[in-house]
């Protein structure tokens, strides 16, 4: 489940940029 959370975080970061 931890890996799934990391993937979500990366997507959010891209949106911020």
N, C-alpha and C. Protein backbone atom coordinates (compact mmCIF):
# COMPACT_ATOMS: atom_id res chain seq x y z
N UNK A 1 0.85 -1.21 0.00
CA UNK A 1 0.00 0.00 0.00
C UNK A 1 0.88 1.26 0.00
N UNK A 2 2.06 1.14 0.60
CA UNK A 2 2.95 2.31 0.66
C UNK A 2 3.31 2.79 -0.76
N UNK A 3 3.59 1.83 -1.63
CA UNK A 3 3.98 2.18 -3.00
C UNK A 3 2.87 2.97 -3.69
N UNK A 4 1.64 2.55 -3.44
CA UNK A 4 0.50 3.22 -4.07
C UNK A 4 0.47 4.69 -3.65
N UNK A 5 0.74 4.94 -2.40
CA UNK A 5 0.71 6.31 -1.89
C UNK A 5 1.77 7.16 -2.57
N UNK A 6 2.94 6.58 -2.78
CA UNK A 6 4.04 7.31 -3.42
C UNK A 6 3.63 7.74 -4.83
N UNK A 7 2.99 6.83 -5.55
CA UNK A 7 2.57 7.13 -6.93
C UNK A 7 1.61 8.32 -6.94
N UNK A 8 0.69 8.33 -6.00
CA UNK A 8 -0.30 9.41 -5.92
C UNK A 8 0.41 10.73 -5.64
N UNK A 9 1.39 10.68 -4.76
CA UNK A 9 2.13 11.90 -4.40
C UNK A 9 2.85 12.48 -5.62
N UNK A 10 3.46 11.64 -6.41
CA UNK A 10 4.19 12.09 -7.60
C UNK A 10 3.24 12.79 -8.56
N UNK A 11 2.04 12.25 -8.72
CA UNK A 11 1.07 12.86 -9.64
C UNK A 11 0.66 14.23 -9.13
N UNK A 12 0.44 14.35 -7.83
CA UNK A 12 0.03 15.64 -7.25
C UNK A 12 1.15 16.67 -7.44
N UNK A 13 2.38 16.23 -7.29
CA UNK A 13 3.52 17.14 -7.44
C UNK A 13 3.56 17.71 -8.86
N UNK A 14 3.31 16.86 -9.83
CA UNK A 14 3.34 17.29 -11.24
C UNK A 14 2.26 18.35 -11.47
N UNK A 15 1.11 18.15 -10.87
CA UNK A 15 -0.01 19.10 -11.05
C UNK A 15 0.37 20.46 -10.48
N UNK A 16 1.07 20.43 -9.34
CA UNK A 16 1.47 21.69 -8.68
C UNK A 16 2.41 22.47 -9.59
N UNK A 17 3.31 21.77 -10.23
CA UNK A 17 4.28 22.43 -11.11
C UNK A 17 3.58 22.86 -12.39
